[in-house]
Every structure is written in structure tokens, then in C-alpha cells.
Amino acid sequence: MIDQNKVGLEGYVMNGNNEKPVMIARIWKGVTEKSKADGFLDYMMKTGVKDFRVKKGNLGVFVLRCSGKKHVEFLMISLWDSMNAIRNFAGDEVDKAVYYPNDDKFLVKLEPEVKHYEVLVSP
């Protein structure tokens, strides 16, 4: 049952404790050539997404895609219960992007960093 004291605008559940976020979103961006986009999505499902789903503290993952004329941009948003959980996935340099052996065959550029956001309101 949802604590009604934690229900905010439009019924979203909010964290009642201002000191700790509901969760942490780790956001990575990558760009592929349009011709490689479907293959890269399949590859991500077998590598990064698969790894996220089995890591303790992972609360889910979203893969977003935005197609342009020549390139396709992907955003991968993984949700975590703590920075320690992210550290268990990414290592001590949590702001450094994690890459897999064949990423460079798909990506136009390997972005060196990711961003972390505190999730303050969630559905």
C-alpha cells in the first residue's frame, strides 16, 4: 500500500526523506550510423542490458532511441538503489563509461563519461 503522505503531483510517489533519493539514474549516450542501429540495439541487449539486469541494486533499465538522417542516438538509463550498487557495476570511477569489446564497431565515438541523477519523483 502506498503511503498517501508520499503521493505528490498527479499521483507520483515521492521520497519523503529529503536526504536520500528514491533511486539513482545512470545515463549513457551513444551514437551509431543509421545502418548499424538495429545491430547495436541487439548487441546492447546481449551485453549492457543483460549485465544491468543481474546486478544487485539494479532497479531497471531503459533504452531510448532517436533516429536522425545519418545517425541514431541511444540513451541508456539504468536505475540503481545506491551509488554502491553502481560502483559494483562500474568500478571505483563511477563517472567513467563502461564499454564492451565490440562497442567500437558500432559507435561513432566512445563517450568517456556518464552522468548520474538523483530520481526524486517516480511513477
C-alpha atoms as a PDB file:
ATOM      1  CA  MET A   1       0.000   0.000   0.000  1.00  0.00           C
ATOM      2  CA  ILE A   2       1.288   3.467  -0.897  1.00  0.00           C
ATOM      3  CA  ASP A   3       1.697   5.898   1.969  1.00  0.00           C
ATOM      4  CA  GLN A   4      -0.633   8.747   0.961  1.00  0.00           C
ATOM      5  CA  ASN A   5       1.722  11.237   2.642  1.00  0.00           C
ATOM      6  CA  LYS A   6       4.257  10.419  -0.093  1.00  0.00           C
ATOM      7  CA  VAL A   7       1.919  10.966  -3.028  1.00  0.00           C
ATOM      8  CA  GLY A   8       2.752  14.160  -4.876  1.00  0.00           C
ATOM      9  CA  LEU A   9       1.652  15.876  -8.059  1.00  0.00           C
ATOM     10  CA  GLU A  10      -0.538  13.744 -10.311  1.00  0.00           C
ATOM     11  CA  GLY A  11      -0.208  10.672  -8.083  1.00  0.00           C
ATOM     12  CA  TYR A  12       3.547  10.124  -8.450  1.00  0.00           C
ATOM     13  CA  VAL A  13       5.278   8.551  -5.467  1.00  0.00           C
ATOM     14  CA  MET A  14       7.808  10.916  -3.895  1.00  0.00           C
ATOM     15  CA  ASN A  15      10.563  10.226  -1.446  1.00  0.00           C
ATOM     16  CA  GLY A  16       9.521  11.698   1.889  1.00  0.00           C
ATOM     17  CA  ASN A  17      13.116  11.876   3.138  1.00  0.00           C
ATOM     18  CA  ASN A  18      14.940  14.804   1.539  1.00  0.00           C
ATOM     19  CA  GLU A  19      18.334  13.286   2.359  1.00  0.00           C
ATOM     20  CA  LYS A  20      18.071  10.209   0.122  1.00  0.00           C
ATOM     21  CA  PRO A  21      16.736   9.983  -3.443  1.00  0.00           C
ATOM     22  CA  VAL A  22      14.221   7.316  -4.440  1.00  0.00           C
ATOM     23  CA  MET A  23      16.895   5.915  -6.772  1.00  0.00           C
ATOM     24  CA  ILE A  24      19.833   6.980  -8.919  1.00  0.00           C
ATOM     25  CA  ALA A  25      19.683   7.139 -12.717  1.00  0.00           C
ATOM     26  CA  ARG A  26      22.924   6.436 -14.598  1.00  0.00           C
ATOM     27  CA  ILE A  27      22.694   7.903 -18.098  1.00  0.00           C
ATOM     28  CA  TRP A  28      24.942   6.973 -21.012  1.00  0.00           C
ATOM     29  CA  LYS A  29      24.697   8.301 -24.576  1.00  0.00           C
ATOM     30  CA  GLY A  30      25.995   6.680 -27.754  1.00  0.00           C
ATOM     31  CA  VAL A  31      25.668   7.431 -31.469  1.00  0.00           C
ATOM     32  CA  THR A  32      25.774   4.933 -34.338  1.00  0.00           C
ATOM     33  CA  GLU A  33      25.495   5.211 -38.077  1.00  0.00           C
ATOM     34  CA  LYS A  34      21.886   4.590 -39.066  1.00  0.00           C
ATOM     35  CA  SER A  35      22.806   1.357 -40.878  1.00  0.00           C
ATOM     36  CA  LYS A  36      24.272  -0.095 -37.669  1.00  0.00           C
ATOM     37  CA  ALA A  37      21.498   0.932 -35.246  1.00  0.00           C
ATOM     38  CA  ASP A  38      19.478  -2.295 -35.201  1.00  0.00           C
ATOM     39  CA  GLY A  39      22.616  -4.385 -34.796  1.00  0.00           C
ATOM     40  CA  PHE A  40      23.788  -2.164 -31.959  1.00  0.00           C
ATOM     41  CA  LEU A  41      20.467  -2.490 -30.141  1.00  0.00           C
ATOM     42  CA  ASP A  42      20.724  -6.270 -30.385  1.00  0.00           C
ATOM     43  CA  TYR A  43      24.321  -6.101 -29.160  1.00  0.00           C
ATOM     44  CA  MET A  44      23.347  -3.866 -26.198  1.00  0.00           C
ATOM     45  CA  MET A  45      20.627  -6.311 -25.195  1.00  0.00           C
ATOM     46  CA  LYS A  46      23.241  -9.105 -25.057  1.00  0.00           C
ATOM     47  CA  THR A  47      25.862  -7.042 -23.175  1.00  0.00           C
ATOM     48  CA  GLY A  48      24.998  -3.941 -21.133  1.00  0.00           C
ATOM     49  CA  VAL A  49      21.281  -4.526 -20.630  1.00  0.00           C
ATOM     50  CA  LYS A  50      21.886  -8.173 -19.734  1.00  0.00           C
ATOM     51  CA  ASP A  51      24.607  -7.174 -17.247  1.00  0.00           C
ATOM     52  CA  PHE A  52      22.446  -4.498 -15.612  1.00  0.00           C
ATOM     53  CA  ARG A  53      19.563  -6.851 -15.034  1.00  0.00           C
ATOM     54  CA  VAL A  54      21.600  -9.302 -12.951  1.00  0.00           C
ATOM     55  CA  LYS A  55      23.486  -6.762 -10.829  1.00  0.00           C
ATOM     56  CA  LYS A  56      22.400  -6.397  -7.229  1.00  0.00           C
ATOM     57  CA  GLY A  57      20.873  -2.985  -6.684  1.00  0.00           C
ATOM     58  CA  ASN A  58      19.738  -2.503 -10.293  1.00  0.00           C
ATOM     59  CA  LEU A  59      16.109  -1.402 -10.395  1.00  0.00           C
ATOM     60  CA  GLY A  60      15.655  -1.456 -14.163  1.00  0.00           C
ATOM     61  CA  VAL A  61      16.955  -0.126 -17.444  1.00  0.00           C
ATOM     62  CA  PHE A  62      15.513   1.928 -20.292  1.00  0.00           C
ATOM     63  CA  VAL A  63      16.988   2.114 -23.795  1.00  0.00           C
ATOM     64  CA  LEU A  64      15.842   5.146 -25.790  1.00  0.00           C
ATOM     65  CA  ARG A  65      16.454   5.701 -29.486  1.00  0.00           C
ATOM     66  CA  CYS A  66      16.287   8.868 -31.594  1.00  0.00           C
ATOM     67  CA  SER A  67      16.782   8.437 -35.345  1.00  0.00           C
ATOM     68  CA  GLY A  68      18.266  11.185 -37.474  1.00  0.00           C
ATOM     69  CA  LYS A  69      19.049  11.285 -41.198  1.00  0.00           C
ATOM     70  CA  LYS A  70      22.509   9.698 -40.913  1.00  0.00           C
ATOM     71  CA  HIS A  71      22.909   8.748 -37.265  1.00  0.00           C
ATOM     72  CA  VAL A  72      20.933   7.209 -34.437  1.00  0.00           C
ATOM     73  CA  GLU A  73      21.407   8.341 -30.852  1.00  0.00           C
ATOM     74  CA  PHE A  74      20.821   5.925 -27.990  1.00  0.00           C
ATOM     75  CA  LEU A  75      20.295   6.848 -24.356  1.00  0.00           C
ATOM     76  CA  MET A  76      20.650   4.076 -21.825  1.00  0.00           C
ATOM     77  CA  ILE A  77      19.163   4.917 -18.459  1.00  0.00           C
ATOM     78  CA  SER A  78      19.844   2.405 -15.728  1.00  0.00           C
ATOM     79  CA  LEU A  79      18.217   2.808 -12.319  1.00  0.00           C
ATOM     80  CA  TRP A  80      20.040   1.906  -9.115  1.00  0.00           C
ATOM     81  CA  ASP A  81      19.257   1.815  -5.427  1.00  0.00           C
ATOM     82  CA  SER A  82      22.608   3.354  -4.388  1.00  0.00           C
ATOM     83  CA  MET A  83      25.984   4.627  -5.549  1.00  0.00           C
ATOM     84  CA  ASN A  84      27.491   1.487  -4.002  1.00  0.00           C
ATOM     85  CA  ALA A  85      25.416  -0.625  -6.406  1.00  0.00           C
ATOM     86  CA  ILE A  86      26.686   1.498  -9.314  1.00  0.00           C
ATOM     87  CA  ARG A  87      30.241   1.101  -8.021  1.00  0.00           C
ATOM     88  CA  ASN A  88      29.783  -2.690  -8.011  1.00  0.00           C
ATOM     89  CA  PHE A  89      28.882  -2.464 -11.699  1.00  0.00           C
ATOM     90  CA  ALA A  90      31.193   0.299 -12.945  1.00  0.00           C
ATOM     91  CA  GLY A  91      34.158   0.194 -10.559  1.00  0.00           C
ATOM     92  CA  ASP A  92      35.529   2.983  -8.410  1.00  0.00           C
ATOM     93  CA  GLU A  93      35.446   5.543 -11.235  1.00  0.00           C
ATOM     94  CA  VAL A  94      31.657   5.644 -11.359  1.00  0.00           C
ATOM     95  CA  ASP A  95      31.539   8.582 -13.796  1.00  0.00           C
ATOM     96  CA  LYS A  96      33.579   6.664 -16.369  1.00  0.00           C
ATOM     97  CA  ALA A  97      31.574   4.910 -19.092  1.00  0.00           C
ATOM     98  CA  VAL A  98      31.713   1.117 -19.193  1.00  0.00           C
ATOM     99  CA  TYR A  99      32.370  -0.291 -22.671  1.00  0.00           C
ATOM    100  CA  TYR A 100      32.278  -3.800 -24.078  1.00  0.00           C
ATOM    101  CA  PRO A 101      34.763  -5.323 -26.554  1.00  0.00           C
ATOM    102  CA  ASN A 102      32.799  -4.654 -29.764  1.00  0.00           C
ATOM    103  CA  ASP A 103      31.270  -1.262 -28.904  1.00  0.00           C
ATOM    104  CA  ASP A 104      33.805   0.491 -31.119  1.00  0.00           C
ATOM    105  CA  LYS A 105      32.499  -1.452 -34.148  1.00  0.00           C
ATOM    106  CA  PHE A 106      29.114   0.243 -33.746  1.00  0.00           C
ATOM    107  CA  LEU A 107      29.698   3.621 -32.130  1.00  0.00           C
ATOM    108  CA  VAL A 108      30.827   6.765 -33.930  1.00  0.00           C
ATOM    109  CA  LYS A 109      32.572   7.951 -30.744  1.00  0.00           C
ATOM    110  CA  LEU A 110      33.166   6.396 -27.324  1.00  0.00           C
ATOM    111  CA  GLU A 111      31.882   8.954 -24.828  1.00  0.00           C
ATOM    112  CA  PRO A 112      34.260   8.855 -21.849  1.00  0.00           C
ATOM    113  CA  GLU A 113      31.737   9.715 -19.136  1.00  0.00           C
ATOM    114  CA  VAL A 114      28.213   9.061 -17.949  1.00  0.00           C
ATOM    115  CA  LYS A 115      26.013  11.237 -15.760  1.00  0.00           C
ATOM    116  CA  HIS A 116      24.195  10.356 -12.577  1.00  0.00           C
ATOM    117  CA  TYR A 117      20.945  11.940 -11.484  1.00  0.00           C
ATOM    118  CA  GLU A 118      19.009  11.576  -8.265  1.00  0.00           C
ATOM    119  CA  VAL A 119      15.490  10.400  -9.031  1.00  0.00           C
ATOM    120  CA  LEU A 120      13.267  12.468  -6.770  1.00  0.00           C
ATOM    121  CA  VAL A 121       9.882  11.519  -8.206  1.00  0.00           C
ATOM    122  CA  SER A 122       8.967   8.289  -9.940  1.00  0.00           C
ATOM    123  CA  PRO A 123       5.767   6.766 -11.327  1.00  0.00           C
END
